[in-house]
């Protein structure tokens, strides 16, 4: 069985609803999902997962920066080869740049498409489609 960690910030009902939608897609496909607020996440949450999702509202927001600060610092020198990750923005703007920079020397596989979401209205079909594409890419990378 594969495992996934979803690290996210901030604590908002709509973000929790999004996470519920895509975590159910992964769980239905045999992936054990751990959902962790970024401020409470540890590097061991990433190391012990096959797939990691980084979700933030805005990488320039003080709250997002503060919540992910320890994780980003801890990624320096960590080998994540064989793992896969994806990025989710909860505010219509890309949030992946800071994560990509922090992950650049880790060897982790990166899903090509960042999921950029509306912070007001949930499009479940779109979210499920993205989750299935990420899962497909993860499985394809297992065999390379």
Protein backbone atom coordinates (compact mmCIF):
# COMPACT_ATOMS: atom_id res chain seq x y z
CA UNK A 1 0.00 0.00 0.00
CA UNK A 2 1.25 3.46 -0.85
CA UNK A 3 1.00 6.45 1.45
CA UNK A 4 0.45 10.15 0.92
CA UNK A 5 0.90 13.23 3.09
CA UNK A 6 -1.14 16.31 2.33
CA UNK A 7 0.52 19.34 3.94
CA UNK A 8 -1.63 22.45 3.80
CA UNK A 9 -2.26 25.90 5.17
CA UNK A 10 -4.35 27.83 6.24
CA UNK A 11 -7.12 26.24 8.27
CA UNK A 12 -10.24 27.22 6.34
CA UNK A 13 -13.45 25.29 5.75
CA UNK A 14 -13.25 25.53 1.95
CA UNK A 15 -9.66 24.25 1.97
CA UNK A 16 -10.68 21.33 4.19
CA UNK A 17 -13.50 20.61 1.74
CA UNK A 18 -11.08 20.57 -1.20
CA UNK A 19 -8.73 18.26 0.70
CA UNK A 20 -11.62 15.94 1.48
CA UNK A 21 -12.51 15.70 -2.22
CA UNK A 22 -9.07 14.80 -3.49
CA UNK A 23 -8.05 12.66 -0.51
CA UNK A 24 -11.12 10.48 -1.16
CA UNK A 25 -9.91 9.91 -4.75
CA UNK A 26 -6.55 8.65 -3.48
CA UNK A 27 -8.10 6.53 -0.72
CA UNK A 28 -10.44 4.87 -3.25
CA UNK A 29 -7.29 3.96 -5.21
CA UNK A 30 -5.60 2.26 -2.26
CA UNK A 31 -3.47 5.16 -1.03
CA UNK A 32 -3.29 5.75 2.73
CA UNK A 33 -3.73 9.52 3.20
CA UNK A 34 -2.47 11.64 6.12
CA UNK A 35 -3.76 15.21 6.25
CA UNK A 36 -1.49 17.55 8.20
CA UNK A 37 -1.59 21.28 8.77
CA UNK A 38 1.77 22.60 7.56
CA UNK A 39 2.48 24.23 10.90
CA UNK A 40 2.34 20.80 12.56
CA UNK A 41 4.16 18.86 9.83
CA UNK A 42 7.50 17.17 10.36
CA UNK A 43 10.12 16.10 7.84
CA UNK A 44 9.30 12.51 8.83
CA UNK A 45 5.79 13.03 7.40
CA UNK A 46 7.41 13.62 4.01
CA UNK A 47 10.08 10.94 4.26
CA UNK A 48 7.54 8.26 5.21
CA UNK A 49 5.23 9.09 2.28
CA UNK A 50 5.35 7.96 -1.35
CA UNK A 51 3.40 11.03 -2.47
CA UNK A 52 3.40 14.49 -0.90
CA UNK A 53 0.98 17.30 -1.70
CA UNK A 54 1.97 20.84 -0.72
CA UNK A 55 -1.08 23.12 -0.51
CA UNK A 56 -0.95 26.80 0.33
CA UNK A 57 -3.14 29.82 -0.11
CA UNK A 58 -0.36 32.24 -0.97
CA UNK A 59 3.39 31.74 -0.69
CA UNK A 60 3.85 35.43 0.08
CA UNK A 61 1.31 35.40 2.91
CA UNK A 62 2.94 35.58 6.33
CA UNK A 63 0.81 32.65 7.56
CA UNK A 64 1.79 30.35 4.67
CA UNK A 65 5.46 31.27 4.99
CA UNK A 66 5.44 30.71 8.73
CA UNK A 67 3.58 27.40 8.53
CA UNK A 68 5.93 25.93 5.91
CA UNK A 69 9.14 27.54 7.20
CA UNK A 70 10.37 24.55 9.22
CA UNK A 71 9.54 22.03 6.47
CA UNK A 72 11.33 24.11 3.84
CA UNK A 73 14.37 24.43 6.09
CA UNK A 74 14.37 20.70 6.87
CA UNK A 75 14.33 19.74 3.17
CA UNK A 76 17.93 20.90 2.74
CA UNK A 77 20.10 17.83 2.18
CA UNK A 78 17.24 15.31 2.30
CA UNK A 79 17.11 12.57 -0.32
CA UNK A 80 13.53 12.08 -1.53
CA UNK A 81 14.34 10.01 -4.62
CA UNK A 82 11.55 7.56 -5.38
CA UNK A 83 8.89 9.88 -3.99
CA UNK A 84 6.50 12.10 -5.92
CA UNK A 85 4.86 15.44 -5.14
CA UNK A 86 2.25 17.86 -6.36
CA UNK A 87 1.29 21.44 -5.57
CA UNK A 88 -2.06 23.04 -4.86
CA UNK A 89 -2.86 26.73 -4.71
CA UNK A 90 -6.03 27.70 -2.90
CA UNK A 91 -6.24 31.24 -4.26
CA UNK A 92 -5.99 31.32 -8.08
CA UNK A 93 -2.24 32.17 -8.01
CA UNK A 94 0.69 29.79 -8.31
CA UNK A 95 2.25 28.87 -4.97
CA UNK A 96 4.71 26.24 -6.19
CA UNK A 97 7.84 28.34 -6.76
CA UNK A 98 9.05 28.32 -3.15
CA UNK A 99 8.39 24.57 -2.89
CA UNK A 100 10.12 23.77 -6.19
CA UNK A 101 13.17 25.69 -5.05
CA UNK A 102 13.27 23.88 -1.70
CA UNK A 103 12.82 20.49 -3.42
CA UNK A 104 15.24 21.10 -6.30
CA UNK A 105 18.11 19.03 -4.86
CA UNK A 106 16.06 16.30 -3.19
CA UNK A 107 15.50 14.00 -6.19
CA UNK A 108 11.71 13.97 -5.70
CA UNK A 109 9.52 13.57 -8.79
CA UNK A 110 7.32 16.60 -9.42
CA UNK A 111 3.88 16.44 -11.04
CA UNK A 112 3.85 18.86 -13.96
CA UNK A 113 0.48 20.48 -13.31
CA UNK A 114 -0.12 22.64 -10.26
CA UNK A 115 -3.75 22.57 -9.15
CA UNK A 116 -4.87 26.20 -8.93
CA UNK A 117 -8.23 26.51 -7.22
CA UNK A 118 -10.84 29.13 -6.58
CA UNK A 119 -11.13 29.97 -2.90
CA UNK A 120 -14.88 30.55 -3.18
CA UNK A 121 -16.44 27.77 -5.25
CA UNK A 122 -15.51 24.07 -5.42
CA UNK A 123 -15.37 22.28 -8.77
CA UNK A 124 -15.29 18.64 -7.61
CA UNK A 125 -15.00 17.20 -11.12
CA UNK A 126 -11.90 19.32 -11.85
CA UNK A 127 -10.30 18.40 -8.49
CA UNK A 128 -10.96 14.68 -9.00
CA UNK A 129 -9.56 14.82 -12.53
CA UNK A 130 -6.33 16.44 -11.28
CA UNK A 131 -5.99 13.84 -8.51
CA UNK A 132 -6.39 10.98 -10.99
CA UNK A 133 -3.79 12.51 -13.34
CA UNK A 134 -1.32 12.89 -10.49
CA UNK A 135 -1.92 9.28 -9.47
CA UNK A 136 -1.40 8.14 -13.07
CA UNK A 137 1.91 10.04 -13.27
CA UNK A 138 3.02 8.64 -9.91
CA UNK A 139 2.38 5.07 -11.07
CA UNK A 140 4.13 5.71 -14.40
CA UNK A 141 7.19 7.03 -12.54
CA UNK A 142 7.33 3.86 -10.45
CA UNK A 143 8.20 1.87 -13.57
CA UNK A 144 10.84 4.20 -15.01
